[in-house]
Amino acid sequence: MGRTLDDLLASRSEESQQRIQEMATELLLEVRIQALREELEVSQIELAKALGVSQPAVVAMEQRGSDIKLSTMKRYVEAMGGKLRVDVELPTGRHIGFNV
């Protein structure tokens, strides 16, 4: 039987596991940002016009992943008619949400 992903990760150093986790998190955010736009059937060109930027600038926003600024994300979401809301989970398990 082949090795599982968990087996492969466990064989890596702790530092390597951390880098892999960070890269996976960044990739997931990139996919989710793009999915927001695609859900509303808005093209990158249409979004660029709404934001007053070039289409390559929208590509850069979508590829920035976890490095995207909250203010940039807010502009991105609002350009499609949405509202950005942040949900904070405290160590107690309590969630506190607020509009940005």
PDB file of N, CA and C in Angstrom:
ATOM      1  N   MET A   1       0.848  -1.180   0.000  1.00  0.00           N
ATOM      2  CA  MET A   1       0.000   0.000   0.000  1.00  0.00           C
ATOM      3  C   MET A   1       0.890   1.239   0.000  1.00  0.00           C
ATOM      4  N   GLY A   2       0.495   2.278  -0.724  1.00  0.00           N
ATOM      5  CA  GLY A   2       1.265   3.504  -0.806  1.00  0.00           C
ATOM      6  C   GLY A   2       1.197   4.329   0.466  1.00  0.00           C
ATOM      7  N   ARG A   3       2.096   5.270   0.539  1.00  0.00           N
ATOM      8  CA  ARG A   3       2.131   6.167   1.693  1.00  0.00           C
ATOM      9  C   ARG A   3       1.066   7.248   1.536  1.00  0.00           C
ATOM     10  N   THR A   4       0.512   7.656   2.642  1.00  0.00           N
ATOM     11  CA  THR A   4      -0.491   8.721   2.617  1.00  0.00           C
ATOM     12  C   THR A   4       0.207  10.074   2.672  1.00  0.00           C
ATOM     13  N   LEU A   5      -0.537  11.124   2.397  1.00  0.00           N
ATOM     14  CA  LEU A   5       0.001  12.476   2.499  1.00  0.00           C
ATOM     15  C   LEU A   5       0.458  12.750   3.927  1.00  0.00           C
ATOM     16  N   ASP A   6      -0.313  12.293   4.898  1.00  0.00           N
ATOM     17  CA  ASP A   6       0.072  12.474   6.301  1.00  0.00           C
ATOM     18  C   ASP A   6       1.409  11.792   6.591  1.00  0.00           C
ATOM     19  N   ASP A   7       1.619  10.602   6.018  1.00  0.00           N
ATOM     20  CA  ASP A   7       2.893   9.899   6.200  1.00  0.00           C
ATOM     21  C   ASP A   7       4.046  10.708   5.609  1.00  0.00           C
ATOM     22  N   LEU A   8       3.829  11.230   4.407  1.00  0.00           N
ATOM     23  CA  LEU A   8       4.871  12.021   3.752  1.00  0.00           C
ATOM     24  C   LEU A   8       5.192  13.278   4.551  1.00  0.00           C
ATOM     25  N   LEU A   9       4.157  13.961   5.025  1.00  0.00           N
ATOM     26  CA  LEU A   9       4.379  15.174   5.815  1.00  0.00           C
ATOM     27  C   LEU A   9       5.107  14.863   7.117  1.00  0.00           C
ATOM     28  N   ALA A  10       4.735  13.768   7.757  1.00  0.00           N
ATOM     29  CA  ALA A  10       5.352  13.388   9.030  1.00  0.00           C
ATOM     30  C   ALA A  10       6.843  13.097   8.868  1.00  0.00           C
ATOM     31  N   SER A  11       7.251  12.691   7.674  1.00  0.00           N
ATOM     32  CA  SER A  11       8.661  12.381   7.439  1.00  0.00           C
ATOM     33  C   SER A  11       9.500  13.638   7.202  1.00  0.00           C
ATOM     34  N   ARG A  12       8.847  14.780   7.062  1.00  0.00           N
ATOM     35  CA  ARG A  12       9.539  16.053   6.814  1.00  0.00           C
ATOM     36  C   ARG A  12       9.907  16.712   8.133  1.00  0.00           C
ATOM     37  N   SER A  13      10.870  17.634   8.067  1.00  0.00           N
ATOM     38  CA  SER A  13      11.250  18.381   9.270  1.00  0.00           C
ATOM     39  C   SER A  13      10.097  19.295   9.674  1.00  0.00           C
ATOM     40  N   GLU A  14      10.117  19.733  10.913  1.00  0.00           N
ATOM     41  CA  GLU A  14       9.062  20.631  11.395  1.00  0.00           C
ATOM     42  C   GLU A  14       9.042  21.928  10.588  1.00  0.00           C
ATOM     43  N   GLU A  15      10.228  22.433  10.258  1.00  0.00           N
ATOM     44  CA  GLU A  15      10.334  23.655   9.452  1.00  0.00           C
ATOM     45  C   GLU A  15       9.719  23.440   8.066  1.00  0.00           C
ATOM     46  N   SER A  16      10.010  22.308   7.461  1.00  0.00           N
ATOM     47  CA  SER A  16       9.462  21.980   6.147  1.00  0.00           C
ATOM     48  C   SER A  16       7.944  21.848   6.210  1.00  0.00           C
ATOM     49  N   GLN A  17       7.442  21.198   7.253  1.00  0.00           N
ATOM     50  CA  GLN A  17       5.993  21.063   7.417  1.00  0.00           C
ATOM     51  C   GLN A  17       5.336  22.436   7.533  1.00  0.00           C
ATOM     52  N   GLN A  18       5.971  23.357   8.249  1.00  0.00           N
ATOM     53  CA  GLN A  18       5.432  24.711   8.410  1.00  0.00           C
ATOM     54  C   GLN A  18       5.379  25.434   7.065  1.00  0.00           C
ATOM     55  N   ARG A  19       6.460  25.326   6.275  1.00  0.00           N
ATOM     56  CA  ARG A  19       6.485  25.967   4.950  1.00  0.00           C
ATOM     57  C   ARG A  19       5.403  25.391   4.046  1.00  0.00           C
ATOM     58  N   ILE A  20       5.235  24.086   4.085  1.00  0.00           N
ATOM     59  CA  ILE A  20       4.205  23.436   3.269  1.00  0.00           C
ATOM     60  C   ILE A  20       2.826  23.942   3.668  1.00  0.00           C
ATOM     61  N   GLN A  21       2.572  24.042   4.962  1.00  0.00           N
ATOM     62  CA  GLN A  21       1.279  24.536   5.453  1.00  0.00           C
ATOM     63  C   GLN A  21       1.041  25.977   5.009  1.00  0.00           C
ATOM     64  N   GLU A  22       2.068  26.819   5.101  1.00  0.00           N
ATOM     65  CA  GLU A  22       1.931  28.216   4.685  1.00  0.00           C
ATOM     66  C   GLU A  22       1.632  28.317   3.194  1.00  0.00           C
ATOM     67  N   MET A  23       2.321  27.514   2.388  1.00  0.00           N
ATOM     68  CA  MET A  23       2.089  27.526   0.944  1.00  0.00           C
ATOM     69  C   MET A  23       0.681  27.048   0.614  1.00  0.00           C
ATOM     70  N   ALA A  24       0.209  26.024   1.299  1.00  0.00           N
ATOM     71  CA  ALA A  24      -1.141  25.508   1.062  1.00  0.00           C
ATOM     72  C   ALA A  24      -2.184  26.550   1.434  1.00  0.00           C
ATOM     73  N   THR A  25      -1.980  27.234   2.547  1.00  0.00           N
ATOM     74  CA  THR A  25      -2.912  28.275   2.983  1.00  0.00           C
ATOM     75  C   THR A  25      -2.964  29.404   1.966  1.00  0.00           C
ATOM     76  N   GLU A  26      -1.800  29.816   1.465  1.00  0.00           N
ATOM     77  CA  GLU A  26      -1.744  30.889   0.473  1.00  0.00           C
ATOM     78  C   GLU A  26      -2.461  30.479  -0.809  1.00  0.00           C
ATOM     79  N   LEU A  27      -2.231  29.261  -1.259  1.00  0.00           N
ATOM     80  CA  LEU A  27      -2.874  28.773  -2.479  1.00  0.00           C
ATOM     81  C   LEU A  27      -4.387  28.729  -2.324  1.00  0.00           C
ATOM     82  N   LEU A  28      -4.864  28.278  -1.174  1.00  0.00           N
ATOM     83  CA  LEU A  28      -6.310  28.232  -0.937  1.00  0.00           C
ATOM     84  C   LEU A  28      -6.925  29.622  -0.967  1.00  0.00           C
ATOM     85  N   LEU A  29      -6.224  30.617  -0.413  1.00  0.00           N
ATOM     86  CA  LEU A  29      -6.751  31.980  -0.438  1.00  0.00           C
ATOM     87  C   LEU A  29      -6.813  32.503  -1.865  1.00  0.00           C
ATOM     88  N   GLU A  30      -5.779  32.221  -2.662  1.00  0.00           N
ATOM     89  CA  GLU A  30      -5.791  32.642  -4.063  1.00  0.00           C
ATOM     90  C   GLU A  30      -7.005  32.069  -4.784  1.00  0.00           C
ATOM     91  N   VAL A  31      -7.262  30.792  -4.574  1.00  0.00           N
ATOM     92  CA  VAL A  31      -8.390  30.126  -5.230  1.00  0.00           C
ATOM     93  C   VAL A  31      -9.708  30.739  -4.763  1.00  0.00           C
ATOM     94  N   ARG A  32      -9.827  31.023  -3.475  1.00  0.00           N
ATOM     95  CA  ARG A  32     -11.068  31.576  -2.934  1.00  0.00           C
ATOM     96  C   ARG A  32     -11.333  32.982  -3.451  1.00  0.00           C
ATOM     97  N   ILE A  33     -10.289  33.803  -3.571  1.00  0.00           N
ATOM     98  CA  ILE A  33     -10.471  35.163  -4.074  1.00  0.00           C
ATOM     99  C   ILE A  33     -10.995  35.108  -5.502  1.00  0.00           C
ATOM    100  N   GLN A  34     -10.378  34.281  -6.322  1.00  0.00           N
ATOM    101  CA  GLN A  34     -10.815  34.129  -7.709  1.00  0.00           C
ATOM    102  C   GLN A  34     -12.232  33.568  -7.760  1.00  0.00           C
ATOM    103  N   ALA A  35     -12.554  32.641  -6.869  1.00  0.00           N
ATOM    104  CA  ALA A  35     -13.891  32.032  -6.846  1.00  0.00           C
ATOM    105  C   ALA A  35     -14.971  33.059  -6.533  1.00  0.00           C
ATOM    106  N   LEU A  36     -14.650  34.071  -5.716  1.00  0.00           N
ATOM    107  CA  LEU A  36     -15.619  35.143  -5.434  1.00  0.00           C
ATOM    108  C   LEU A  36     -16.047  35.809  -6.739  1.00  0.00           C
ATOM    109  N   ARG A  37     -15.047  36.159  -7.545  1.00  0.00           N
ATOM    110  CA  ARG A  37     -15.323  36.833  -8.810  1.00  0.00           C
ATOM    111  C   ARG A  37     -16.080  35.911  -9.758  1.00  0.00           C
ATOM    112  N   GLU A  38     -15.659  34.664  -9.839  1.00  0.00           N
ATOM    113  CA  GLU A  38     -16.297  33.721 -10.752  1.00  0.00           C
ATOM    114  C   GLU A  38     -17.727  33.400 -10.327  1.00  0.00           C
ATOM    115  N   GLU A  39     -17.983  33.374  -9.026  1.00  0.00           N
ATOM    116  CA  GLU A  39     -19.340  33.124  -8.513  1.00  0.00           C
ATOM    117  C   GLU A  39     -20.327  34.149  -9.061  1.00  0.00           C
ATOM    118  N   LEU A  40     -19.869  35.386  -9.201  1.00  0.00           N
ATOM    119  CA  LEU A  40     -20.730  36.462  -9.707  1.00  0.00           C
ATOM    120  C   LEU A  40     -20.622  36.629 -11.217  1.00  0.00           C
ATOM    121  N   GLU A  41     -19.856  35.737 -11.855  1.00  0.00           N
ATOM    122  CA  GLU A  41     -19.656  35.774 -13.305  1.00  0.00           C
ATOM    123  C   GLU A  41     -19.137  37.132 -13.761  1.00  0.00           C
ATOM    124  N   VAL A  42     -18.153  37.634 -13.024  1.00  0.00           N
ATOM    125  CA  VAL A  42     -17.502  38.903 -13.356  1.00  0.00           C
ATOM    126  C   VAL A  42     -16.127  38.569 -13.928  1.00  0.00           C
ATOM    127  N   SER A  43     -15.810  39.131 -15.083  1.00  0.00           N
ATOM    128  CA  SER A  43     -14.503  38.872 -15.686  1.00  0.00           C
ATOM    129  C   SER A  43     -13.441  39.741 -15.011  1.00  0.00           C
ATOM    130  N   GLN A  44     -12.199  39.372 -15.212  1.00  0.00           N
ATOM    131  CA  GLN A  44     -11.111  40.187 -14.674  1.00  0.00           C
ATOM    132  C   GLN A  44     -11.128  41.580 -15.295  1.00  0.00           C
ATOM    133  N   ILE A  45     -11.482  41.666 -16.552  1.00  0.00           N
ATOM    134  CA  ILE A  45     -11.541  42.964 -17.230  1.00  0.00           C
ATOM    135  C   ILE A  45     -12.644  43.830 -16.632  1.00  0.00           C
ATOM    136  N   GLU A  46     -13.811  43.243 -16.404  1.00  0.00           N
ATOM    137  CA  GLU A  46     -14.919  43.995 -15.796  1.00  0.00           C
ATOM    138  C   GLU A  46     -14.551  44.468 -14.391  1.00  0.00           C
ATOM    139  N   LEU A  47     -13.924  43.598 -13.630  1.00  0.00           N
ATOM    140  CA  LEU A  47     -13.526  43.966 -12.278  1.00  0.00           C
ATOM    141  C   LEU A  47     -12.460  45.056 -12.314  1.00  0.00           C
ATOM    142  N   ALA A  48     -11.532  44.948 -13.246  1.00  0.00           N
ATOM    143  CA  ALA A  48     -10.485  45.962 -13.382  1.00  0.00           C
ATOM    144  C   ALA A  48     -11.096  47.336 -13.654  1.00  0.00           C
ATOM    145  N   LYS A  49     -12.092  47.383 -14.540  1.00  0.00           N
ATOM    146  CA  LYS A  49     -12.763  48.659 -14.832  1.00  0.00           C
ATOM    147  C   LYS A  49     -13.442  49.214 -13.592  1.00  0.00           C
ATOM    148  N   ALA A  50     -14.114  48.350 -12.827  1.00  0.00           N
ATOM    149  CA  ALA A  50     -14.802  48.792 -11.610  1.00  0.00           C
ATOM    150  C   ALA A  50     -13.813  49.306 -10.565  1.00  0.00           C
ATOM    151  N   LEU A  51     -12.621  48.717 -10.538  1.00  0.00           N
ATOM    152  CA  LEU A  51     -11.599  49.134  -9.578  1.00  0.00           C
ATOM    153  C   LEU A  51     -10.759  50.305 -10.081  1.00  0.00           C
ATOM    154  N   GLY A  52     -10.835  50.570 -11.386  1.00  0.00           N
ATOM    155  CA  GLY A  52     -10.012  51.631 -11.965  1.00  0.00           C
ATOM    156  C   GLY A  52      -8.550  51.217 -12.093  1.00  0.00           C
ATOM    157  N   VAL A  53      -8.338  49.917 -12.352  1.00  0.00           N
ATOM    158  CA  VAL A  53      -6.980  49.393 -12.517  1.00  0.00           C
ATOM    159  C   VAL A  53      -6.930  48.573 -13.804  1.00  0.00           C
ATOM    160  N   SER A  54      -5.755  48.083 -14.144  1.00  0.00           N
ATOM    161  CA  SER A  54      -5.610  47.242 -15.331  1.00  0.00           C
ATOM    162  C   SER A  54      -5.969  45.790 -15.005  1.00  0.00           C
ATOM    163  N   GLN A  55      -6.242  45.019 -16.061  1.00  0.00           N
ATOM    164  CA  GLN A  55      -6.542  43.596 -15.871  1.00  0.00           C
ATOM    165  C   GLN A  55      -5.355  42.862 -15.248  1.00  0.00           C
ATOM    166  N   PRO A  56      -4.106  43.161 -15.650  1.00  0.00           N
ATOM    167  CA  PRO A  56      -2.978  42.510 -14.972  1.00  0.00           C
ATOM    168  C   PRO A  56      -2.914  42.826 -13.470  1.00  0.00           C
ATOM    169  N   ALA A  57      -3.420  43.984 -13.068  1.00  0.00           N
ATOM    170  CA  ALA A  57      -3.454  44.316 -11.636  1.00  0.00           C
ATOM    171  C   ALA A  57      -4.426  43.396 -10.898  1.00  0.00           C
ATOM    172  N   VAL A  58      -5.533  43.038 -11.550  1.00  0.00           N
ATOM    173  CA  VAL A  58      -6.489  42.099 -10.945  1.00  0.00           C
ATOM    174  C   VAL A  58      -5.840  40.722 -10.828  1.00  0.00           C
ATOM    175  N   VAL A  59      -5.123  40.307 -11.855  1.00  0.00           N
ATOM    176  CA  VAL A  59      -4.400  39.029 -11.808  1.00  0.00           C
ATOM    177  C   VAL A  59      -3.443  39.032 -10.616  1.00  0.00           C
ATOM    178  N   ALA A  60      -2.717  40.128 -10.443  1.00  0.00           N
ATOM    179  CA  ALA A  60      -1.766  40.227  -9.326  1.00  0.00           C
ATOM    180  C   ALA A  60      -2.481  40.142  -7.983  1.00  0.00           C
ATOM    181  N   MET A  61      -3.651  40.771  -7.878  1.00  0.00           N
ATOM    182  CA  MET A  61      -4.423  40.699  -6.632  1.00  0.00           C
ATOM    183  C   MET A  61      -4.813  39.255  -6.334  1.00  0.00           C
ATOM    184  N   GLU A  62      -5.262  38.563  -7.364  1.00  0.00           N
ATOM    185  CA  GLU A  62      -5.723  37.188  -7.187  1.00  0.00           C
ATOM    186  C   GLU A  62      -4.570  36.236  -6.884  1.00  0.00           C
ATOM    187  N   GLN A  63      -3.369  36.586  -7.305  1.00  0.00           N
ATOM    188  CA  GLN A  63      -2.216  35.722  -7.074  1.00  0.00           C
ATOM    189  C   GLN A  63      -1.444  36.093  -5.817  1.00  0.00           C
ATOM    190  N   ARG A  64      -1.835  37.149  -5.173  1.00  0.00           N
ATOM    191  CA  ARG A  64      -1.108  37.622  -3.999  1.00  0.00           C
ATOM    192  C   ARG A  64      -1.347  36.737  -2.784  1.00  0.00           C
ATOM    193  N   GLY A  65      -2.440  35.997  -2.807  1.00  0.00           N
ATOM    194  CA  GLY A  65      -2.723  35.065  -1.722  1.00  0.00           C
ATOM    195  C   GLY A  65      -2.816  35.729  -0.367  1.00  0.00           C
ATOM    196  N   SER A  66      -2.155  35.144   0.606  1.00  0.00           N
ATOM    197  CA  SER A  66      -2.281  35.636   1.974  1.00  0.00           C
ATOM    198  C   SER A  66      -1.565  36.957   2.197  1.00  0.00           C
ATOM    199  N   ASP A  67      -0.818  37.439   1.199  1.00  0.00           N
ATOM    200  CA  ASP A  67      -0.140  38.721   1.342  1.00  0.00           C
ATOM    201  C   ASP A  67      -1.024  39.896   0.943  1.00  0.00           C
ATOM    202  N   ILE A  68      -2.247  39.625   0.546  1.00  0.00           N
ATOM    203  CA  ILE A  68      -3.127  40.705   0.112  1.00  0.00           C
ATOM    204  C   ILE A  68      -3.519  41.561   1.317  1.00  0.00           C
ATOM    205  N   LYS A  69      -3.486  42.865   1.128  1.00  0.00           N
ATOM    206  CA  LYS A  69      -3.869  43.786   2.203  1.00  0.00           C
ATOM    207  C   LYS A  69      -5.377  43.738   2.402  1.00  0.00           C
ATOM    208  N   LEU A  70      -5.789  43.946   3.616  1.00  0.00           N
ATOM    209  CA  LEU A  70      -7.213  43.958   3.929  1.00  0.00           C
ATOM    210  C   LEU A  70      -7.916  45.063   3.147  1.00  0.00           C
ATOM    211  N   SER A  71      -7.266  46.210   3.007  1.00  0.00           N
ATOM    212  CA  SER A  71      -7.870  47.320   2.261  1.00  0.00           C
ATOM    213  C   SER A  71      -8.043  46.959   0.785  1.00  0.00           C
ATOM    214  N   THR A  72      -7.100  46.204   0.225  1.00  0.00           N
ATOM    215  CA  THR A  72      -7.206  45.760  -1.170  1.00  0.00           C
ATOM    216  C   THR A  72      -8.339  44.758  -1.317  1.00  0.00           C
ATOM    217  N   MET A  73      -8.422  43.839  -0.373  1.00  0.00           N
ATOM    218  CA  MET A  73      -9.501  42.844  -0.397  1.00  0.00           C
ATOM    219  C   MET A  73     -10.855  43.539  -0.304  1.00  0.00           C
ATOM    220  N   LYS A  74     -10.949  44.570   0.532  1.00  0.00           N
ATOM    221  CA  LYS A  74     -12.202  45.321   0.679  1.00  0.00           C
ATOM    222  C   LYS A  74     -12.590  45.958  -0.656  1.00  0.00           C
ATOM    223  N   ARG A  75     -11.646  46.608  -1.313  1.00  0.00           N
ATOM    224  CA  ARG A  75     -11.925  47.230  -2.618  1.00  0.00           C
ATOM    225  C   ARG A  75     -12.368  46.178  -3.631  1.00  0.00           C
ATOM    226  N   TYR A  76     -11.694  45.035  -3.642  1.00  0.00           N
ATOM    227  CA  TYR A  76     -11.990  43.934  -4.562  1.00  0.00           C
ATOM    228  C   TYR A  76     -13.430  43.472  -4.365  1.00  0.00           C
ATOM    229  N   VAL A  77     -13.810  43.218  -3.121  1.00  0.00           N
ATOM    230  CA  VAL A  77     -15.154  42.724  -2.804  1.00  0.00           C
ATOM    231  C   VAL A  77     -16.206  43.789  -3.104  1.00  0.00           C
ATOM    232  N   GLU A  78     -15.948  45.030  -2.709  1.00  0.00           N
ATOM    233  CA  GLU A  78     -16.925  46.100  -2.931  1.00  0.00           C
ATOM    234  C   GLU A  78     -17.109  46.414  -4.408  1.00  0.00           C
ATOM    235  N   ALA A  79     -16.072  46.221  -5.224  1.00  0.00           N
ATOM    236  CA  ALA A  79     -16.187  46.465  -6.665  1.00  0.00           C
ATOM    237  C   ALA A  79     -17.173  45.499  -7.314  1.00  0.00           C
ATOM    238  N   MET A  80     -17.428  44.368  -6.648  1.00  0.00           N
ATOM    239  CA  MET A  80     -18.394  43.396  -7.159  1.00  0.00           C
ATOM    240  C   MET A  80     -19.732  43.522  -6.443  1.00  0.00           C
ATOM    241  N   GLY A  81     -19.880  44.572  -5.625  1.00  0.00           N
ATOM    242  CA  GLY A  81     -21.144  44.800  -4.935  1.00  0.00           C
ATOM    243  C   GLY A  81     -21.267  44.096  -3.599  1.00  0.00           C
ATOM    244  N   GLY A  82     -20.182  43.495  -3.126  1.00  0.00           N
ATOM    245  CA  GLY A  82     -20.218  42.781  -1.848  1.00  0.00           C
ATOM    246  C   GLY A  82     -19.741  43.636  -0.694  1.00  0.00           C
ATOM    247  N   LYS A  83     -19.771  43.056   0.486  1.00  0.00           N
ATOM    248  CA  LYS A  83     -19.271  43.705   1.693  1.00  0.00           C
ATOM    249  C   LYS A  83     -18.315  42.736   2.374  1.00  0.00           C
ATOM    250  N   LEU A  84     -17.201  43.262   2.843  1.00  0.00           N
ATOM    251  CA  LEU A  84     -16.211  42.429   3.513  1.00  0.00           C
ATOM    252  C   LEU A  84     -16.478  42.402   5.008  1.00  0.00           C
ATOM    253  N   ARG A  85     -16.486  41.219   5.547  1.00  0.00           N
ATOM    254  CA  ARG A  85     -16.700  41.023   6.984  1.00  0.00           C
ATOM    255  C   ARG A  85     -15.578  40.128   7.500  1.00  0.00           C
ATOM    256  N   VAL A  86     -15.030  40.483   8.644  1.00  0.00           N
ATOM    257  CA  VAL A  86     -13.947  39.711   9.251  1.00  0.00           C
ATOM    258  C   VAL A  86     -14.497  38.979  10.466  1.00  0.00           C
ATOM    259  N   ASP A  87     -14.148  37.714  10.570  1.00  0.00           N
ATOM    260  CA  ASP A  87     -14.556  36.897  11.709  1.00  0.00           C
ATOM    261  C   ASP A  87     -13.298  36.489  12.464  1.00  0.00           C
ATOM    262  N   VAL A  88     -13.228  36.874  13.728  1.00  0.00           N
ATOM    263  CA  VAL A  88     -12.080  36.547  14.565  1.00  0.00           C
ATOM    264  C   VAL A  88     -12.492  35.441  15.533  1.00  0.00           C
ATOM    265  N   GLU A  89     -11.709  34.374  15.559  1.00  0.00           N
ATOM    266  CA  GLU A  89     -11.960  33.301  16.525  1.00  0.00           C
ATOM    267  C   GLU A  89     -10.941  33.435  17.650  1.00  0.00           C
ATOM    268  N   LEU A  90     -11.428  33.665  18.851  1.00  0.00           N
ATOM    269  CA  LEU A  90     -10.571  33.815  20.021  1.00  0.00           C
ATOM    270  C   LEU A  90     -10.184  32.445  20.574  1.00  0.00           C
ATOM    271  N   PRO A  91      -9.121  32.384  21.374  1.00  0.00           N
ATOM    272  CA  PRO A  91      -8.715  31.102  21.963  1.00  0.00           C
ATOM    273  C   PRO A  91      -9.825  30.437  22.781  1.00  0.00           C
ATOM    274  N   THR A  92     -10.768  31.228  23.244  1.00  0.00           N
ATOM    275  CA  THR A  92     -11.893  30.685  24.013  1.00  0.00           C
ATOM    276  C   THR A  92     -12.903  29.978  23.123  1.00  0.00           C
ATOM    277  N   GLY A  93     -12.747  30.144  21.795  1.00  0.00           N
ATOM    278  CA  GLY A  93     -13.703  29.569  20.860  1.00  0.00           C
ATOM    279  C   GLY A  93     -14.774  30.560  20.446  1.00  0.00           C
ATOM    280  N   ARG A  94     -14.836  31.684  21.129  1.00  0.00           N
ATOM    281  CA  ARG A  94     -15.822  32.720  20.799  1.00  0.00           C
ATOM    282  C   ARG A  94     -15.429  33.406  19.492  1.00  0.00           C
ATOM    283  N   HIS A  95     -16.434  33.699  18.679  1.00  0.00           N
ATOM    284  CA  HIS A  95     -16.227  34.408  17.415  1.00  0.00           C
ATOM    285  C   HIS A  95     -16.712  35.840  17.562  1.00  0.00           C
ATOM    286  N   ILE A  96     -15.923  36.763  17.049  1.00  0.00           N
ATOM    287  CA  ILE A  96     -16.322  38.167  17.006  1.00  0.00           C
ATOM    288  C   ILE A  96     -16.179  38.609  15.557  1.00  0.00           C
ATOM    289  N   GLY A  97     -17.264  39.087  14.979  1.00  0.00           N
ATOM    290  CA  GLY A  97     -17.246  39.529  13.597  1.00  0.00           C
ATOM    291  C   GLY A  97     -17.419  41.027  13.513  1.00  0.00           C
ATOM    292  N   PHE A  98     -16.822  41.608  12.485  1.00  0.00           N
ATOM    293  CA  PHE A  98     -17.010  43.035  12.253  1.00  0.00           C
ATOM    294  C   PHE A  98     -16.868  43.333  10.772  1.00  0.00           C
ATOM    295  N   ASN A  99     -17.565  44.383  10.361  1.00  0.00           N
ATOM    296  CA  ASN A  99     -17.487  44.832   8.979  1.00  0.00           C
ATOM    297  C   ASN A  99     -16.233  45.667   8.803  1.00  0.00           C
ATOM    298  N   VAL A 100     -15.643  45.555   7.639  1.00  0.00           N
ATOM    299  CA  VAL A 100     -14.426  46.310   7.339  1.00  0.00           C
ATOM    300  C   VAL A 100     -14.800  47.507   6.504  1.00  0.00           C
TER     301      VAL A 100
END
